[in-house]
Amino acid sequence: MNRLQTRLINPVVLLMLVSMTGCSGMSEKNKDTAYGAGAGAVAGAVVTGGSPVGTAAGAAVGGVIGRVIGDEIEDKDKDR
């Protein structure tokens, strides 16, 4: 690993931990949206080679998919 990558690991890990604790007061539907956006951002970055536009587009699509899944789960829970 080069020096820049080594210097970035700790702040990135800290940011991830702080952002995960921010989800503690969210509804399940909002958590699903956030998880979908995060997964979509990673997928978009991987597919486009780290392009900011691809990352943002992946986050948007992933957020919508996460929200739809959250809605379906909530509907199933209401039917029980």
N, C-alpha and C. Protein backbone atom coordinates (compact mmCIF):
# COMPACT_ATOMS: atom_id res chain seq x y z
N MET A 1 0.84 -1.18 0.00
CA MET A 1 0.00 0.00 0.00
C MET A 1 0.88 1.24 0.00
N ASN A 2 0.47 2.23 -0.75
CA ASN A 2 1.25 3.45 -0.71
C ASN A 2 0.82 4.31 0.48
N ARG A 3 1.53 5.38 0.71
CA ARG A 3 1.29 6.20 1.90
C ARG A 3 -0.10 6.83 1.89
N LEU A 4 -0.56 7.25 0.73
CA LEU A 4 -1.87 7.89 0.66
C LEU A 4 -2.97 6.92 1.05
N GLN A 5 -2.92 5.70 0.55
CA GLN A 5 -3.92 4.71 0.91
C GLN A 5 -3.88 4.41 2.40
N THR A 6 -2.70 4.31 2.96
CA THR A 6 -2.56 4.03 4.38
C THR A 6 -3.13 5.16 5.22
N ARG A 7 -2.92 6.39 4.80
CA ARG A 7 -3.43 7.54 5.54
C ARG A 7 -4.95 7.68 5.44
N LEU A 8 -5.54 7.14 4.41
CA LEU A 8 -6.98 7.26 4.22
C LEU A 8 -7.79 6.18 4.93
N ILE A 9 -7.17 5.09 5.29
CA ILE A 9 -7.92 3.97 5.88
C ILE A 9 -8.58 4.36 7.20
N ASN A 10 -7.85 4.95 8.13
CA ASN A 10 -8.43 5.29 9.43
C ASN A 10 -9.58 6.28 9.33
N PRO A 11 -9.47 7.39 8.59
CA PRO A 11 -10.62 8.28 8.49
C PRO A 11 -11.84 7.64 7.83
N VAL A 12 -11.60 6.80 6.83
CA VAL A 12 -12.72 6.14 6.16
C VAL A 12 -13.42 5.17 7.12
N VAL A 13 -12.66 4.41 7.87
CA VAL A 13 -13.25 3.48 8.84
C VAL A 13 -14.02 4.26 9.91
N LEU A 14 -13.46 5.35 10.39
CA LEU A 14 -14.14 6.17 11.39
C LEU A 14 -15.44 6.75 10.83
N LEU A 15 -15.40 7.23 9.61
CA LEU A 15 -16.59 7.77 8.98
C LEU A 15 -17.67 6.69 8.84
N MET A 16 -17.28 5.48 8.48
CA MET A 16 -18.24 4.39 8.35
C MET A 16 -18.89 4.08 9.70
N LEU A 17 -18.10 4.04 10.75
CA LEU A 17 -18.64 3.74 12.08
C LEU A 17 -19.60 4.83 12.54
N VAL A 18 -19.23 6.08 12.32
CA VAL A 18 -20.10 7.18 12.73
C VAL A 18 -21.39 7.18 11.93
N SER A 19 -21.30 6.90 10.65
CA SER A 19 -22.52 6.90 9.83
C SER A 19 -23.44 5.73 10.20
N MET A 20 -22.89 4.63 10.63
CA MET A 20 -23.72 3.49 11.04
C MET A 20 -24.48 3.81 12.32
N THR A 21 -23.88 4.53 13.25
CA THR A 21 -24.58 4.88 14.49
C THR A 21 -25.66 5.91 14.22
N GLY A 22 -25.54 6.66 13.15
CA GLY A 22 -26.57 7.63 12.79
C GLY A 22 -27.87 6.99 12.37
N CYS A 23 -27.85 5.73 12.04
CA CYS A 23 -29.05 5.02 11.59
C CYS A 23 -29.87 4.46 12.74
N SER A 24 -29.41 4.61 13.97
CA SER A 24 -30.07 3.94 15.09
C SER A 24 -31.49 4.45 15.34
N GLY A 25 -31.78 5.70 15.04
CA GLY A 25 -33.11 6.23 15.28
C GLY A 25 -34.01 6.22 14.06
N MET A 26 -33.58 5.60 12.99
CA MET A 26 -34.34 5.60 11.75
C MET A 26 -35.37 4.48 11.73
N SER A 27 -36.41 4.69 10.93
CA SER A 27 -37.39 3.62 10.74
C SER A 27 -36.75 2.54 9.86
N GLU A 28 -37.36 1.38 9.85
CA GLU A 28 -36.83 0.28 9.04
C GLU A 28 -36.83 0.64 7.55
N LYS A 29 -37.86 1.33 7.11
CA LYS A 29 -37.95 1.72 5.70
C LYS A 29 -36.81 2.67 5.34
N ASN A 30 -36.52 3.62 6.22
CA ASN A 30 -35.42 4.55 5.96
C ASN A 30 -34.06 3.85 6.01
N LYS A 31 -33.92 2.88 6.90
CA LYS A 31 -32.68 2.11 6.95
C LYS A 31 -32.48 1.34 5.66
N ASP A 32 -33.55 0.73 5.16
CA ASP A 32 -33.46 -0.01 3.89
C ASP A 32 -33.06 0.92 2.75
N THR A 33 -33.58 2.13 2.76
CA THR A 33 -33.22 3.11 1.73
C THR A 33 -31.74 3.47 1.83
N ALA A 34 -31.27 3.70 3.05
CA ALA A 34 -29.86 4.06 3.25
C ALA A 34 -28.93 2.91 2.87
N TYR A 35 -29.29 1.70 3.25
CA TYR A 35 -28.47 0.54 2.90
C TYR A 35 -28.43 0.35 1.39
N GLY A 36 -29.57 0.53 0.74
CA GLY A 36 -29.63 0.40 -0.71
C GLY A 36 -28.78 1.47 -1.40
N ALA A 37 -28.83 2.69 -0.89
CA ALA A 37 -28.03 3.77 -1.46
C ALA A 37 -26.54 3.49 -1.30
N GLY A 38 -26.17 2.97 -0.14
CA GLY A 38 -24.76 2.64 0.09
C GLY A 38 -24.27 1.54 -0.83
N ALA A 39 -25.08 0.50 -0.93
CA ALA A 39 -24.70 -0.61 -1.81
C ALA A 39 -24.68 -0.17 -3.27
N GLY A 40 -25.64 0.67 -3.65
CA GLY A 40 -25.68 1.17 -5.02
C GLY A 40 -24.49 2.06 -5.34
N ALA A 41 -24.07 2.86 -4.37
CA ALA A 41 -22.90 3.72 -4.58
C ALA A 41 -21.64 2.89 -4.80
N VAL A 42 -21.49 1.84 -4.00
CA VAL A 42 -20.33 0.96 -4.17
C VAL A 42 -20.39 0.28 -5.54
N ALA A 43 -21.55 -0.24 -5.89
CA ALA A 43 -21.70 -0.92 -7.18
C ALA A 43 -21.45 0.05 -8.33
N GLY A 44 -21.99 1.26 -8.22
CA GLY A 44 -21.79 2.25 -9.27
C GLY A 44 -20.33 2.63 -9.43
N ALA A 45 -19.63 2.75 -8.30
CA ALA A 45 -18.20 3.09 -8.36
C ALA A 45 -17.40 1.96 -8.99
N VAL A 46 -17.74 0.73 -8.65
CA VAL A 46 -17.01 -0.41 -9.20
C VAL A 46 -17.26 -0.54 -10.70
N VAL A 47 -18.51 -0.41 -11.11
CA VAL A 47 -18.85 -0.58 -12.52
C VAL A 47 -18.23 0.52 -13.39
N THR A 48 -18.21 1.75 -12.88
CA THR A 48 -17.72 2.87 -13.69
C THR A 48 -16.26 3.22 -13.42
N GLY A 49 -15.59 2.42 -12.64
CA GLY A 49 -14.18 2.68 -12.36
C GLY A 49 -13.94 3.86 -11.44
N GLY A 50 -14.88 4.16 -10.57
CA GLY A 50 -14.71 5.23 -9.59
C GLY A 50 -15.22 6.57 -10.05
N SER A 51 -15.96 6.62 -11.13
CA SER A 51 -16.51 7.88 -11.63
C SER A 51 -17.50 8.46 -10.62
N PRO A 52 -17.38 9.74 -10.29
CA PRO A 52 -18.34 10.35 -9.35
C PRO A 52 -19.78 10.30 -9.85
N VAL A 53 -19.96 10.46 -11.15
CA VAL A 53 -21.31 10.40 -11.71
C VAL A 53 -21.87 8.99 -11.58
N GLY A 54 -21.05 7.98 -11.86
CA GLY A 54 -21.49 6.59 -11.73
C GLY A 54 -21.79 6.24 -10.29
N THR A 55 -20.99 6.76 -9.36
CA THR A 55 -21.23 6.51 -7.94
C THR A 55 -22.54 7.13 -7.50
N ALA A 56 -22.78 8.38 -7.91
CA ALA A 56 -24.02 9.06 -7.54
C ALA A 56 -25.23 8.37 -8.17
N ALA A 57 -25.11 7.97 -9.42
CA ALA A 57 -26.21 7.28 -10.08
C ALA A 57 -26.50 5.95 -9.40
N GLY A 58 -25.44 5.22 -9.05
CA GLY A 58 -25.63 3.96 -8.33
C GLY A 58 -26.30 4.16 -6.99
N ALA A 59 -25.93 5.24 -6.29
CA ALA A 59 -26.55 5.53 -5.00
C ALA A 59 -28.03 5.85 -5.17
N ALA A 60 -28.36 6.60 -6.21
CA ALA A 60 -29.77 6.95 -6.46
C ALA A 60 -30.60 5.71 -6.79
N VAL A 61 -30.09 4.90 -7.68
CA VAL A 61 -30.82 3.68 -8.06
C VAL A 61 -30.92 2.73 -6.87
N GLY A 62 -29.82 2.56 -6.15
CA GLY A 62 -29.83 1.69 -4.98
C GLY A 62 -30.78 2.17 -3.90
N GLY A 63 -30.86 3.49 -3.71
CA GLY A 63 -31.79 4.04 -2.73
C GLY A 63 -33.23 3.76 -3.09
N VAL A 64 -33.55 3.90 -4.36
CA VAL A 64 -34.92 3.61 -4.81
C VAL A 64 -35.24 2.12 -4.62
N ILE A 65 -34.31 1.27 -5.00
CA ILE A 65 -34.53 -0.17 -4.83
C ILE A 65 -34.67 -0.52 -3.36
N GLY A 66 -33.83 0.05 -2.51
CA GLY A 66 -33.93 -0.20 -1.07
C GLY A 66 -35.25 0.25 -0.51
N ARG A 67 -35.75 1.38 -0.99
CA ARG A 67 -37.04 1.89 -0.52
C ARG A 67 -38.18 0.97 -0.93
N VAL A 68 -38.13 0.49 -2.16
CA VAL A 68 -39.18 -0.43 -2.64
C VAL A 68 -39.16 -1.72 -1.81
N ILE A 69 -37.98 -2.23 -1.56
CA ILE A 69 -37.87 -3.45 -0.74
C ILE A 69 -38.40 -3.19 0.67
N GLY A 70 -38.06 -2.01 1.23
CA GLY A 70 -38.56 -1.65 2.55
C GLY A 70 -40.08 -1.57 2.59
N ASP A 71 -40.68 -1.02 1.52
CA ASP A 71 -42.13 -0.96 1.44
C ASP A 71 -42.75 -2.35 1.41
N GLU A 72 -42.16 -3.25 0.63
CA GLU A 72 -42.68 -4.61 0.53
C GLU A 72 -42.58 -5.34 1.87
N ILE A 73 -41.48 -5.17 2.55
CA ILE A 73 -41.32 -5.80 3.87
C ILE A 73 -42.35 -5.26 4.85
N GLU A 74 -42.54 -3.95 4.82
CA GLU A 74 -43.52 -3.33 5.73
C GLU A 74 -44.93 -3.82 5.42
N ASP A 75 -45.27 -3.96 4.15
CA ASP A 75 -46.59 -4.46 3.77
C ASP A 75 -46.79 -5.90 4.24
N LYS A 76 -45.76 -6.73 4.13
CA LYS A 76 -45.86 -8.12 4.59
C LYS A 76 -46.05 -8.17 6.10
N ASP A 77 -45.36 -7.28 6.83
CA ASP A 77 -45.49 -7.26 8.28
C ASP A 77 -46.88 -6.82 8.70
N LYS A 78 -47.51 -5.92 7.96
CA LYS A 78 -48.86 -5.48 8.28
C LYS A 78 -49.89 -6.57 8.06
N ASP A 79 -49.62 -7.44 7.06
CA ASP A 79 -50.57 -8.52 6.75
C ASP A 79 -50.58 -9.60 7.82
N ARG A 80 -49.56 -9.68 8.61
CA ARG A 80 -49.48 -10.76 9.61
C ARG A 80 -50.36 -10.50 10.77
